[in-house]
Amino acid sequence: MNKMVTVLLHDMSASVAYDSTHVQHFVSELISERMTSQEDVLYRLPVGDKGYDAYSVKAYRLDLSPFNDPNMGDVARSKAMKSYNLKKEAVIETFSSVVTPEFLASGTALKTQILASLPMVQTLIEQSQANDFVLVIQSDMWEDGDIRNLKVSEFQNLRDVKEAAEQDVKQLSQLYGLSQDGFAPINDVVILLPSCQKNDATNSGLVMMYWKTVFTELGCANVNIYNECK
């Protein structure tokens, strides 16, 4: 069974409020798809004024041993599997009750520093040695950190977006050694917005294009926005 690793960057800036129904639905999907055995790991990285804090990283795993059926007959195996599945459902329910409040937590940070948190993501990739890696960013994505302040950046078109993204990735590479090789194991980047945000040619849409371009420059072409406006 392949080990699945999920890293959540959780924006703890005071300006962000998360919709409970929206987030709970996402958590339910995440757990059902990516927490299926005791080998799978969910890391949560709160993102504050200075980016990530290595000491605040939490790792969540299911308290569930793998199903073992040596020398069982068909009837015995069927009964054992049924019992195991009931136990697994209870473990996942307990796991969800612990994780969901963490996803809904709000913070007091004055800045959103997603870019400055990416070095820790690369470190976890290197340490985990997983072949199935997903990055989730829970934020409104309005970066106002030390590398880029999107609240004052006036993107007029996609050329502006591309130039800014390329410049910022180059700076991340110079400062922290970020590279396409380092981010290569990421299969998907999922942006979990706290509320509906149109992905069109408006300023907010260009901001989302900025992030897609950043991750494309890092070698992560599969970037999805959870709950885009329909």
Protein backbone atom coordinates (compact mmCIF):
# COMPACT_ATOMS: atom_id res chain seq x y z
CA MET A 1 0.00 0.00 0.00
CA ASN A 2 1.36 3.42 -0.96
CA LYS A 3 1.99 5.86 1.82
CA MET A 4 -0.05 9.04 1.38
CA VAL A 5 1.21 12.30 2.89
CA THR A 6 -0.85 15.48 3.03
CA VAL A 7 0.51 18.84 4.18
CA LEU A 8 -1.90 21.59 5.19
CA LEU A 9 -0.73 25.20 5.31
CA HIS A 10 -3.30 26.87 7.56
CA ASP A 11 -3.50 30.65 7.25
CA MET A 12 -3.85 32.02 10.79
CA SER A 13 -4.18 35.70 9.86
CA ALA A 14 -6.86 37.64 11.72
CA SER A 15 -8.51 38.77 8.49
CA VAL A 16 -9.60 35.24 7.53
CA ALA A 17 -12.79 33.62 8.83
CA TYR A 18 -13.62 30.08 7.77
CA ASP A 19 -17.09 28.87 6.90
CA SER A 20 -17.71 25.80 9.08
CA THR A 21 -19.91 23.89 6.63
CA HIS A 22 -17.49 24.45 3.76
CA VAL A 23 -14.44 23.39 5.76
CA GLN A 24 -16.14 20.39 7.36
CA HIS A 25 -17.16 19.10 3.94
CA PHE A 26 -13.58 19.41 2.73
CA VAL A 27 -12.21 17.63 5.83
CA SER A 28 -14.65 14.78 5.30
CA GLU A 29 -13.51 14.35 1.70
CA LEU A 30 -9.86 14.63 2.65
CA ILE A 31 -10.07 11.96 5.33
CA SER A 32 -12.03 9.51 3.18
CA GLU A 33 -9.59 9.89 0.28
CA ARG A 34 -6.20 10.33 1.96
CA MET A 35 -6.34 8.82 5.46
CA THR A 36 -6.96 5.15 4.82
CA SER A 37 -4.24 3.40 6.85
CA GLN A 38 -1.85 3.97 9.73
CA GLU A 39 0.90 4.72 7.20
CA ASP A 40 -0.85 7.85 5.92
CA VAL A 41 0.07 11.19 7.51
CA LEU A 42 -1.59 14.60 7.68
CA TYR A 43 0.69 17.48 8.66
CA ARG A 44 -0.80 20.79 9.75
CA LEU A 45 1.40 23.89 9.57
CA PRO A 46 -0.13 27.04 11.06
CA VAL A 47 1.05 30.04 9.01
CA GLY A 48 1.66 33.17 11.08
CA ASP A 49 3.39 36.52 10.83
CA LYS A 50 6.80 34.99 10.08
CA GLY A 51 5.57 32.08 8.01
CA TYR A 52 5.75 28.61 9.51
CA ASP A 53 6.92 27.73 13.00
CA ALA A 54 8.64 24.34 12.95
CA TYR A 55 7.66 23.72 16.56
CA SER A 56 3.95 24.16 15.79
CA VAL A 57 3.83 21.48 13.08
CA LYS A 58 1.41 18.70 13.99
CA ALA A 59 1.34 15.21 12.50
CA TYR A 60 -1.90 13.20 12.51
CA ARG A 61 -2.17 9.46 11.89
CA LEU A 62 -4.96 6.93 12.18
CA ASP A 63 -4.65 4.67 15.22
CA LEU A 64 -5.40 1.60 13.15
CA SER A 65 -3.38 -1.55 12.60
CA PRO A 66 -3.59 -3.20 9.18
CA PHE A 67 -6.04 -6.05 8.67
CA ASN A 68 -4.32 -9.39 9.15
CA ASP A 69 -5.93 -12.70 8.14
CA PRO A 70 -3.34 -15.49 8.11
CA ASN A 71 -4.80 -18.93 7.41
CA MET A 72 -8.43 -17.82 7.78
CA GLY A 73 -11.21 -19.61 6.00
CA ASP A 74 -13.72 -17.70 3.91
CA VAL A 75 -16.38 -17.51 6.64
CA ALA A 76 -13.96 -16.52 9.39
CA ARG A 77 -12.29 -13.98 7.13
CA SER A 78 -15.63 -12.41 6.22
CA LYS A 79 -16.56 -12.01 9.89
CA ALA A 80 -13.14 -10.64 10.76
CA MET A 81 -13.26 -8.16 7.90
CA LYS A 82 -16.71 -6.95 8.96
CA SER A 83 -15.44 -6.40 12.51
CA TYR A 84 -12.34 -4.63 11.22
CA ASN A 85 -14.38 -2.29 9.02
CA LEU A 86 -16.60 -1.34 11.95
CA LYS A 87 -13.49 -0.56 13.99
CA LYS A 88 -12.05 1.46 11.12
CA GLU A 89 -15.25 3.54 10.85
CA ALA A 90 -15.07 4.31 14.58
CA VAL A 91 -11.40 5.26 14.35
CA ILE A 92 -12.04 7.58 11.39
CA GLU A 93 -15.01 9.19 13.17
CA THR A 94 -12.84 9.89 16.22
CA PHE A 95 -10.03 11.16 13.99
CA SER A 96 -12.41 13.52 12.20
CA SER A 97 -13.73 14.91 15.50
CA VAL A 98 -10.15 15.78 16.49
CA VAL A 99 -8.98 17.21 13.17
CA THR A 100 -12.01 19.28 12.15
CA PRO A 101 -11.76 21.86 14.99
CA GLU A 102 -8.11 22.36 14.03
CA PHE A 103 -9.15 23.24 10.48
CA LEU A 104 -11.73 25.72 11.76
CA ALA A 105 -9.34 27.51 14.10
CA SER A 106 -8.82 31.21 13.48
CA GLY A 107 -5.76 33.22 14.41
CA THR A 108 -4.43 36.65 15.24
CA ALA A 109 -1.53 36.96 12.79
CA LEU A 110 -1.26 40.35 11.09
CA LYS A 111 0.27 38.97 7.89
CA THR A 112 -0.26 36.09 5.48
CA GLN A 113 3.11 34.48 4.77
CA ILE A 114 2.45 31.49 2.54
CA LEU A 115 5.58 31.95 0.44
CA ALA A 116 7.80 31.94 3.54
CA SER A 117 6.19 28.63 4.60
CA LEU A 118 7.11 26.73 1.44
CA PRO A 119 10.65 25.79 2.65
CA MET A 120 9.07 23.72 5.42
CA VAL A 121 6.92 21.97 2.83
CA GLN A 122 10.05 21.01 0.89
CA THR A 123 11.63 19.74 4.12
CA LEU A 124 8.62 17.53 4.88
CA ILE A 125 8.71 16.18 1.33
CA GLU A 126 12.34 15.20 1.78
CA GLN A 127 11.72 13.63 5.19
CA SER A 128 8.55 11.72 4.33
CA GLN A 129 9.89 9.84 1.30
CA ALA A 130 6.29 9.34 0.18
CA ASN A 131 5.27 8.66 -3.41
CA ASP A 132 1.82 10.22 -2.98
CA PHE A 133 2.06 13.80 -1.73
CA VAL A 134 -0.63 16.50 -1.68
CA LEU A 135 -0.27 20.11 -0.52
CA VAL A 136 -3.38 21.88 0.80
CA ILE A 137 -3.34 25.63 1.38
CA GLN A 138 -6.20 26.86 3.55
CA SER A 139 -6.31 30.61 3.00
CA ASP A 140 -7.89 33.50 1.10
CA MET A 141 -4.47 33.66 -0.64
CA TRP A 142 -4.03 37.41 -0.14
CA GLU A 143 -0.32 37.23 0.65
CA ASP A 144 1.05 40.32 2.36
CA GLY A 145 4.39 38.99 3.48
CA ASP A 146 8.05 39.88 3.17
CA ILE A 147 8.51 38.54 -0.36
CA ARG A 148 5.24 39.64 -1.99
CA ASN A 149 2.36 41.86 -0.87
CA LEU A 150 -0.56 41.04 -3.13
CA LYS A 151 -2.72 43.65 -1.43
CA VAL A 152 -0.66 46.41 -3.03
CA SER A 153 0.47 44.60 -6.20
CA GLU A 154 -1.55 45.94 -9.11
CA PHE A 155 -1.72 43.16 -11.66
CA GLN A 156 -3.13 44.49 -14.91
CA ASN A 157 -2.81 41.35 -16.99
CA LEU A 158 -1.37 37.84 -17.12
CA ARG A 159 2.04 39.15 -18.14
CA ASP A 160 2.27 41.06 -14.83
CA VAL A 161 1.25 37.87 -13.00
CA LYS A 162 3.88 35.74 -14.75
CA GLU A 163 6.68 38.24 -14.14
CA ALA A 164 5.83 38.56 -10.44
CA ALA A 165 5.56 34.79 -9.93
CA GLU A 166 8.85 34.10 -11.70
CA GLN A 167 10.59 36.81 -9.68
CA ASP A 168 9.28 35.45 -6.37
CA VAL A 169 10.17 31.83 -7.13
CA LYS A 170 13.67 32.95 -8.06
CA GLN A 171 13.97 34.74 -4.72
CA LEU A 172 12.69 31.67 -2.85
CA SER A 173 15.27 29.57 -4.63
CA GLN A 174 18.06 31.97 -3.69
CA LEU A 175 16.98 32.37 -0.06
CA TYR A 176 15.83 28.85 0.81
CA GLY A 177 16.99 26.53 -1.95
CA LEU A 178 13.50 25.76 -3.26
CA SER A 179 13.59 23.82 -6.49
CA GLN A 180 11.49 21.84 -8.94
CA ASP A 181 13.30 18.71 -7.79
CA GLY A 182 12.29 19.47 -4.21
CA PHE A 183 8.62 19.88 -5.12
CA ALA A 184 8.50 17.12 -7.75
CA PRO A 185 6.81 14.55 -5.45
CA ILE A 186 3.72 16.79 -5.08
CA ASN A 187 0.88 15.30 -7.11
CA ASP A 188 -1.64 18.04 -6.39
CA VAL A 189 -1.85 21.48 -4.84
CA VAL A 190 -5.32 22.21 -3.45
CA ILE A 191 -6.30 25.75 -2.48
CA LEU A 192 -9.04 25.66 0.14
CA LEU A 193 -10.70 29.06 0.08
CA PRO A 194 -12.65 30.21 3.15
CA SER A 195 -15.40 31.56 0.89
CA CYS A 196 -16.41 31.82 -2.76
CA GLN A 197 -13.88 33.73 -4.86
CA LYS A 198 -14.27 34.12 -8.63
CA ASN A 199 -11.51 32.77 -10.82
CA ASP A 200 -11.85 35.23 -13.72
CA ALA A 201 -10.09 38.34 -15.02
CA THR A 202 -10.93 40.41 -11.93
CA ASN A 203 -8.14 41.31 -9.52
CA SER A 204 -9.00 38.36 -7.28
CA GLY A 205 -8.85 36.12 -10.35
CA LEU A 206 -5.41 37.41 -11.26
CA VAL A 207 -4.29 36.74 -7.68
CA MET A 208 -5.33 33.11 -8.06
CA MET A 209 -3.49 32.97 -11.38
CA TYR A 210 -0.41 34.29 -9.58
CA TRP A 211 -0.50 31.31 -7.22
CA LYS A 212 -1.07 28.82 -10.01
CA THR A 213 1.93 30.31 -11.81
CA VAL A 214 4.11 30.13 -8.67
CA PHE A 215 3.44 26.43 -8.28
CA THR A 216 3.82 25.77 -11.98
CA GLU A 217 7.26 27.40 -11.75
CA LEU A 218 8.00 25.02 -8.87
CA GLY A 219 7.01 22.06 -11.02
CA CYS A 220 3.47 21.57 -9.65
CA ALA A 221 1.23 21.99 -12.67
CA ASN A 222 -1.85 20.40 -11.09
CA VAL A 223 -3.29 23.24 -8.97
CA ASN A 224 -6.97 23.07 -8.01
CA ILE A 225 -9.13 25.63 -6.23
CA TYR A 226 -11.64 24.02 -3.91
CA ASN A 227 -15.04 25.74 -4.09
CA GLU A 228 -14.55 27.97 -7.08
CA CYS A 229 -17.66 30.04 -7.83
CA LYS A 230 -19.88 28.25 -10.32
